[in-house]
Amino acid sequence: MKDVKPKGGLNAEIQSRIGHQLRAMYDDVVRQGVPDRFAELIRKLDGAEAQAQIAGDPGKNEGGE
């Protein structure tokens, strides 16, 4: 029996191939990790946010509460 492709859609085999390729690309990116400069920026932002919460500065809390 031949796969019936819905109009404008992809058959299951093509969807599976695309899924495998996307997974392989994603895994490769995840293995690269976070560059040091981004990790440092995240640490600085987290530290500034924590300090704002400790100081009770509502303008710097997430959501502006």
PDB file of N, CA and C in Angstrom:
ATOM      1  N   MET A   1       0.834  -1.176   0.000  1.00  0.00           N
ATOM      2  CA  MET A   1       0.000   0.000   0.000  1.00  0.00           C
ATOM      3  C   MET A   1       0.882   1.243   0.000  1.00  0.00           C
ATOM      4  N   LYS A   2       0.526   2.205  -0.801  1.00  0.00           N
ATOM      5  CA  LYS A   2       1.300   3.424  -0.952  1.00  0.00           C
ATOM      6  C   LYS A   2       0.832   4.473   0.054  1.00  0.00           C
ATOM      7  N   ASP A   3       1.812   5.236   0.636  1.00  0.00           N
ATOM      8  CA  ASP A   3       1.440   6.324   1.551  1.00  0.00           C
ATOM      9  C   ASP A   3       0.636   7.370   0.803  1.00  0.00           C
ATOM     10  N   VAL A   4      -0.454   7.764   1.391  1.00  0.00           N
ATOM     11  CA  VAL A   4      -1.280   8.818   0.810  1.00  0.00           C
ATOM     12  C   VAL A   4      -0.884  10.118   1.476  1.00  0.00           C
ATOM     13  N   LYS A   5      -0.441  11.066   0.675  1.00  0.00           N
ATOM     14  CA  LYS A   5       0.006  12.343   1.201  1.00  0.00           C
ATOM     15  C   LYS A   5      -1.166  13.322   1.184  1.00  0.00           C
ATOM     16  N   PRO A   6      -1.533  13.837   2.357  1.00  0.00           N
ATOM     17  CA  PRO A   6      -2.603  14.826   2.363  1.00  0.00           C
ATOM     18  C   PRO A   6      -2.189  16.053   1.556  1.00  0.00           C
ATOM     19  N   LYS A   7      -3.166  16.703   0.984  1.00  0.00           N
ATOM     20  CA  LYS A   7      -2.885  17.877   0.168  1.00  0.00           C
ATOM     21  C   LYS A   7      -2.153  18.920   1.011  1.00  0.00           C
ATOM     22  N   GLY A   8      -0.964  19.307   0.553  1.00  0.00           N
ATOM     23  CA  GLY A   8      -0.179  20.322   1.239  1.00  0.00           C
ATOM     24  C   GLY A   8       0.557  19.807   2.463  1.00  0.00           C
ATOM     25  N   GLY A   9       0.529  18.500   2.732  1.00  0.00           N
ATOM     26  CA  GLY A   9       1.181  17.944   3.917  1.00  0.00           C
ATOM     27  C   GLY A   9       2.345  17.055   3.555  1.00  0.00           C
ATOM     28  N   LEU A  10       3.014  16.550   4.584  1.00  0.00           N
ATOM     29  CA  LEU A  10       4.146  15.651   4.390  1.00  0.00           C
ATOM     30  C   LEU A  10       3.774  14.270   4.904  1.00  0.00           C
ATOM     31  N   ASN A  11       4.240  13.256   4.192  1.00  0.00           N
ATOM     32  CA  ASN A  11       3.934  11.898   4.656  1.00  0.00           C
ATOM     33  C   ASN A  11       4.778  11.564   5.890  1.00  0.00           C
ATOM     34  N   ALA A  12       4.445  10.468   6.545  1.00  0.00           N
ATOM     35  CA  ALA A  12       5.087  10.091   7.804  1.00  0.00           C
ATOM     36  C   ALA A  12       6.593   9.877   7.644  1.00  0.00           C
ATOM     37  N   GLU A  13       7.018   9.315   6.530  1.00  0.00           N
ATOM     38  CA  GLU A  13       8.446   9.067   6.316  1.00  0.00           C
ATOM     39  C   GLU A  13       9.230  10.377   6.260  1.00  0.00           C
ATOM     40  N   ILE A  14       8.711  11.339   5.543  1.00  0.00           N
ATOM     41  CA  ILE A  14       9.393  12.634   5.432  1.00  0.00           C
ATOM     42  C   ILE A  14       9.394  13.342   6.779  1.00  0.00           C
ATOM     43  N   GLN A  15       8.278  13.289   7.497  1.00  0.00           N
ATOM     44  CA  GLN A  15       8.224  13.900   8.822  1.00  0.00           C
ATOM     45  C   GLN A  15       9.262  13.262   9.746  1.00  0.00           C
ATOM     46  N   SER A  16       9.396  11.954   9.663  1.00  0.00           N
ATOM     47  CA  SER A  16      10.372  11.246  10.492  1.00  0.00           C
ATOM     48  C   SER A  16      11.798  11.666  10.150  1.00  0.00           C
ATOM     49  N   ARG A  17      12.099  11.767   8.872  1.00  0.00           N
ATOM     50  CA  ARG A  17      13.440  12.189   8.450  1.00  0.00           C
ATOM     51  C   ARG A  17      13.741  13.605   8.943  1.00  0.00           C
ATOM     52  N   ILE A  18      12.784  14.486   8.803  1.00  0.00           N
ATOM     53  CA  ILE A  18      12.957  15.867   9.281  1.00  0.00           C
ATOM     54  C   ILE A  18      13.183  15.865  10.796  1.00  0.00           C
ATOM     55  N   GLY A  19      12.402  15.068  11.504  1.00  0.00           N
ATOM     56  CA  GLY A  19      12.554  14.968  12.956  1.00  0.00           C
ATOM     57  C   GLY A  19      13.939  14.495  13.361  1.00  0.00           C
ATOM     58  N   HIS A  20      14.459  13.485  12.669  1.00  0.00           N
ATOM     59  CA  HIS A  20      15.798  12.970  12.977  1.00  0.00           C
ATOM     60  C   HIS A  20      16.864  14.029  12.715  1.00  0.00           C
ATOM     61  N   GLN A  21      16.735  14.747  11.600  1.00  0.00           N
ATOM     62  CA  GLN A  21      17.703  15.792  11.278  1.00  0.00           C
ATOM     63  C   GLN A  21      17.661  16.924  12.302  1.00  0.00           C
ATOM     64  N   LEU A  22      16.465  17.340  12.669  1.00  0.00           N
ATOM     65  CA  LEU A  22      16.331  18.409  13.669  1.00  0.00           C
ATOM     66  C   LEU A  22      16.915  17.982  15.012  1.00  0.00           C
ATOM     67  N   ARG A  23      16.650  16.730  15.404  1.00  0.00           N
ATOM     68  CA  ARG A  23      17.180  16.220  16.668  1.00  0.00           C
ATOM     69  C   ARG A  23      18.706  16.207  16.640  1.00  0.00           C
ATOM     70  N   ALA A  24      19.299  15.791  15.531  1.00  0.00           N
ATOM     71  CA  ALA A  24      20.753  15.750  15.410  1.00  0.00           C
ATOM     72  C   ALA A  24      21.342  17.153  15.497  1.00  0.00           C
ATOM     73  N   MET A  25      20.693  18.111  14.838  1.00  0.00           N
ATOM     74  CA  MET A  25      21.173  19.496  14.895  1.00  0.00           C
ATOM     75  C   MET A  25      21.051  20.050  16.305  1.00  0.00           C
ATOM     76  N   TYR A  26      19.933  19.798  16.964  1.00  0.00           N
ATOM     77  CA  TYR A  26      19.707  20.277  18.320  1.00  0.00           C
ATOM     78  C   TYR A  26      20.752  19.682  19.263  1.00  0.00           C
ATOM     79  N   ASP A  27      20.986  18.377  19.164  1.00  0.00           N
ATOM     80  CA  ASP A  27      21.970  17.723  20.029  1.00  0.00           C
ATOM     81  C   ASP A  27      23.353  18.328  19.843  1.00  0.00           C
ATOM     82  N   ASP A  28      23.701  18.649  18.608  1.00  0.00           N
ATOM     83  CA  ASP A  28      25.000  19.256  18.322  1.00  0.00           C
ATOM     84  C   ASP A  28      25.117  20.621  18.996  1.00  0.00           C
ATOM     85  N   VAL A  29      24.072  21.420  18.929  1.00  0.00           N
ATOM     86  CA  VAL A  29      24.081  22.750  19.551  1.00  0.00           C
ATOM     87  C   VAL A  29      24.171  22.625  21.066  1.00  0.00           C
ATOM     88  N   VAL A  30      23.432  21.692  21.647  1.00  0.00           N
ATOM     89  CA  VAL A  30      23.453  21.500  23.099  1.00  0.00           C
ATOM     90  C   VAL A  30      24.849  21.092  23.563  1.00  0.00           C
ATOM     91  N   ARG A  31      25.518  20.254  22.799  1.00  0.00           N
ATOM     92  CA  ARG A  31      26.871  19.806  23.170  1.00  0.00           C
ATOM     93  C   ARG A  31      27.865  20.962  23.182  1.00  0.00           C
ATOM     94  N   GLN A  32      27.604  22.013  22.418  1.00  0.00           N
ATOM     95  CA  GLN A  32      28.528  23.149  22.369  1.00  0.00           C
ATOM     96  C   GLN A  32      28.549  23.918  23.683  1.00  0.00           C
ATOM     97  N   GLY A  33      27.469  23.877  24.429  1.00  0.00           N
ATOM     98  CA  GLY A  33      27.432  24.575  25.712  1.00  0.00           C
ATOM     99  C   GLY A  33      27.237  26.069  25.553  1.00  0.00           C
ATOM    100  N   VAL A  34      27.248  26.748  26.691  1.00  0.00           N
ATOM    101  CA  VAL A  34      27.051  28.198  26.722  1.00  0.00           C
ATOM    102  C   VAL A  34      28.426  28.866  26.718  1.00  0.00           C
ATOM    103  N   PRO A  35      28.659  29.804  25.814  1.00  0.00           N
ATOM    104  CA  PRO A  35      29.946  30.510  25.813  1.00  0.00           C
ATOM    105  C   PRO A  35      30.172  31.228  27.152  1.00  0.00           C
ATOM    106  N   ASP A  36      31.426  31.328  27.556  1.00  0.00           N
ATOM    107  CA  ASP A  36      31.769  31.947  28.837  1.00  0.00           C
ATOM    108  C   ASP A  36      31.217  33.355  28.980  1.00  0.00           C
ATOM    109  N   ARG A  37      31.263  34.141  27.910  1.00  0.00           N
ATOM    110  CA  ARG A  37      30.788  35.537  28.016  1.00  0.00           C
ATOM    111  C   ARG A  37      29.284  35.589  28.281  1.00  0.00           C
ATOM    112  N   PHE A  38      28.520  34.641  27.724  1.00  0.00           N
ATOM    113  CA  PHE A  38      27.079  34.601  27.998  1.00  0.00           C
ATOM    114  C   PHE A  38      26.817  34.151  29.428  1.00  0.00           C
ATOM    115  N   ALA A  39      27.571  33.165  29.891  1.00  0.00           N
ATOM    116  CA  ALA A  39      27.409  32.681  31.262  1.00  0.00           C
ATOM    117  C   ALA A  39      27.697  33.808  32.246  1.00  0.00           C
ATOM    118  N   GLU A  40      28.718  34.599  31.974  1.00  0.00           N
ATOM    119  CA  GLU A  40      29.060  35.731  32.852  1.00  0.00           C
ATOM    120  C   GLU A  40      27.941  36.778  32.846  1.00  0.00           C
ATOM    121  N   LEU A  41      27.385  37.075  31.690  1.00  0.00           N
ATOM    122  CA  LEU A  41      26.264  38.023  31.620  1.00  0.00           C
ATOM    123  C   LEU A  41      25.068  37.524  32.427  1.00  0.00           C
ATOM    124  N   ILE A  42      24.779  36.244  32.325  1.00  0.00           N
ATOM    125  CA  ILE A  42      23.662  35.660  33.070  1.00  0.00           C
ATOM    126  C   ILE A  42      23.915  35.784  34.566  1.00  0.00           C
ATOM    127  N   ARG A  43      25.154  35.501  35.003  1.00  0.00           N
ATOM    128  CA  ARG A  43      25.486  35.633  36.427  1.00  0.00           C
ATOM    129  C   ARG A  43      25.291  37.072  36.897  1.00  0.00           C
ATOM    130  N   LYS A  44      25.726  38.039  36.082  1.00  0.00           N
ATOM    131  CA  LYS A  44      25.574  39.452  36.452  1.00  0.00           C
ATOM    132  C   LYS A  44      24.108  39.835  36.539  1.00  0.00           C
ATOM    133  N   LEU A  45      23.312  39.407  35.567  1.00  0.00           N
ATOM    134  CA  LEU A  45      21.886  39.724  35.586  1.00  0.00           C
ATOM    135  C   LEU A  45      21.185  39.083  36.776  1.00  0.00           C
ATOM    136  N   ASP A  46      21.519  37.838  37.053  1.00  0.00           N
ATOM    137  CA  ASP A  46      20.933  37.160  38.208  1.00  0.00           C
ATOM    138  C   ASP A  46      21.306  37.882  39.499  1.00  0.00           C
ATOM    139  N   GLY A  47      22.549  38.320  39.600  1.00  0.00           N
ATOM    140  CA  GLY A  47      23.005  39.032  40.797  1.00  0.00           C
ATOM    141  C   GLY A  47      22.293  40.366  40.960  1.00  0.00           C
ATOM    142  N   ALA A  48      22.110  41.097  39.866  1.00  0.00           N
ATOM    143  CA  ALA A  48      21.420  42.387  39.927  1.00  0.00           C
ATOM    144  C   ALA A  48      19.960  42.202  40.302  1.00  0.00           C
ATOM    145  N   GLU A  49      19.332  41.163  39.778  1.00  0.00           N
ATOM    146  CA  GLU A  49      17.925  40.894  40.092  1.00  0.00           C
ATOM    147  C   GLU A  49      17.779  40.522  41.569  1.00  0.00           C
ATOM    148  N   ALA A  50      18.691  39.697  42.063  1.00  0.00           N
ATOM    149  CA  ALA A  50      18.637  39.295  43.468  1.00  0.00           C
ATOM    150  C   ALA A  50      18.838  40.505  44.367  1.00  0.00           C
ATOM    151  N   GLN A  51      19.762  41.380  44.028  1.00  0.00           N
ATOM    152  CA  GLN A  51      20.005  42.580  44.830  1.00  0.00           C
ATOM    153  C   GLN A  51      18.776  43.486  44.834  1.00  0.00           C
ATOM    154  N   ALA A  52      18.109  43.609  43.700  1.00  0.00           N
ATOM    155  CA  ALA A  52      16.905  44.445  43.617  1.00  0.00           C
ATOM    156  C   ALA A  52      15.804  43.865  44.500  1.00  0.00           C
ATOM    157  N   GLN A  53      15.675  42.559  44.537  1.00  0.00           N
ATOM    158  CA  GLN A  53      14.646  41.931  45.363  1.00  0.00           C
ATOM    159  C   GLN A  53      14.965  42.104  46.841  1.00  0.00           C
ATOM    160  N   ILE A  54      16.226  41.989  47.208  1.00  0.00           N
ATOM    161  CA  ILE A  54      16.632  42.162  48.598  1.00  0.00           C
ATOM    162  C   ILE A  54      16.388  43.598  49.045  1.00  0.00           C
ATOM    163  N   ALA A  55      16.682  44.545  48.142  1.00  0.00           N
ATOM    164  CA  ALA A  55      16.513  45.961  48.467  1.00  0.00           C
ATOM    165  C   ALA A  55      15.047  46.375  48.423  1.00  0.00           C
ATOM    166  N   GLY A  56      14.186  45.530  47.885  1.00  0.00           N
ATOM    167  CA  GLY A  56      12.765  45.852  47.804  1.00  0.00           C
ATOM    168  C   GLY A  56      12.464  46.896  46.745  1.00  0.00           C
ATOM    169  N   ASP A  57      13.253  46.935  45.698  1.00  0.00           N
ATOM    170  CA  ASP A  57      13.050  47.879  44.593  1.00  0.00           C
ATOM    171  C   ASP A  57      12.060  47.296  43.612  1.00  0.00           C
ATOM    172  N   PRO A  58      10.766  47.720  43.669  1.00  0.00           N
ATOM    173  CA  PRO A  58       9.756  47.117  42.787  1.00  0.00           C
ATOM    174  C   PRO A  58       9.992  47.387  41.316  1.00  0.00           C
ATOM    175  N   GLY A  59      10.732  48.397  40.964  1.00  0.00           N
ATOM    176  CA  GLY A  59      10.974  48.711  39.568  1.00  0.00           C
ATOM    177  C   GLY A  59      11.884  47.715  38.898  1.00  0.00           C
ATOM    178  N   LYS A  60      12.652  46.952  39.674  1.00  0.00           N
ATOM    179  CA  LYS A  60      13.586  46.001  39.099  1.00  0.00           C
ATOM    180  C   LYS A  60      13.146  44.565  39.253  1.00  0.00           C
ATOM    181  N   ASN A  61      12.069  44.318  39.974  1.00  0.00           N
ATOM    182  CA  ASN A  61      11.559  42.957  40.103  1.00  0.00           C
ATOM    183  C   ASN A  61      10.874  42.546  38.822  1.00  0.00           C
ATOM    184  N   GLU A  62      10.914  41.279  38.534  1.00  0.00           N
ATOM    185  CA  GLU A  62      10.257  40.748  37.329  1.00  0.00           C
ATOM    186  C   GLU A  62       8.772  41.007  37.407  1.00  0.00           C
ATOM    187  N   GLY A  63       8.211  41.538  36.363  1.00  0.00           N
ATOM    188  CA  GLY A  63       6.780  41.817  36.322  1.00  0.00           C
ATOM    189  C   GLY A  63       6.429  43.193  36.881  1.00  0.00           C
ATOM    190  N   GLY A  64       7.425  43.922  37.423  1.00  0.00           N
ATOM    191  CA  GLY A  64       7.169  45.276  37.919  1.00  0.00           C
ATOM    192  C   GLY A  64       6.306  45.324  39.155  1.00  0.00           C
ATOM    193  N   GLU A  65       6.275  44.247  39.933  1.00  0.00           N
ATOM    194  CA  GLU A  65       5.428  44.206  41.130  1.00  0.00           C
ATOM    195  C   GLU A  65       6.037  44.976  42.250  1.00  0.00           C
TER     196      GLU A  65
END
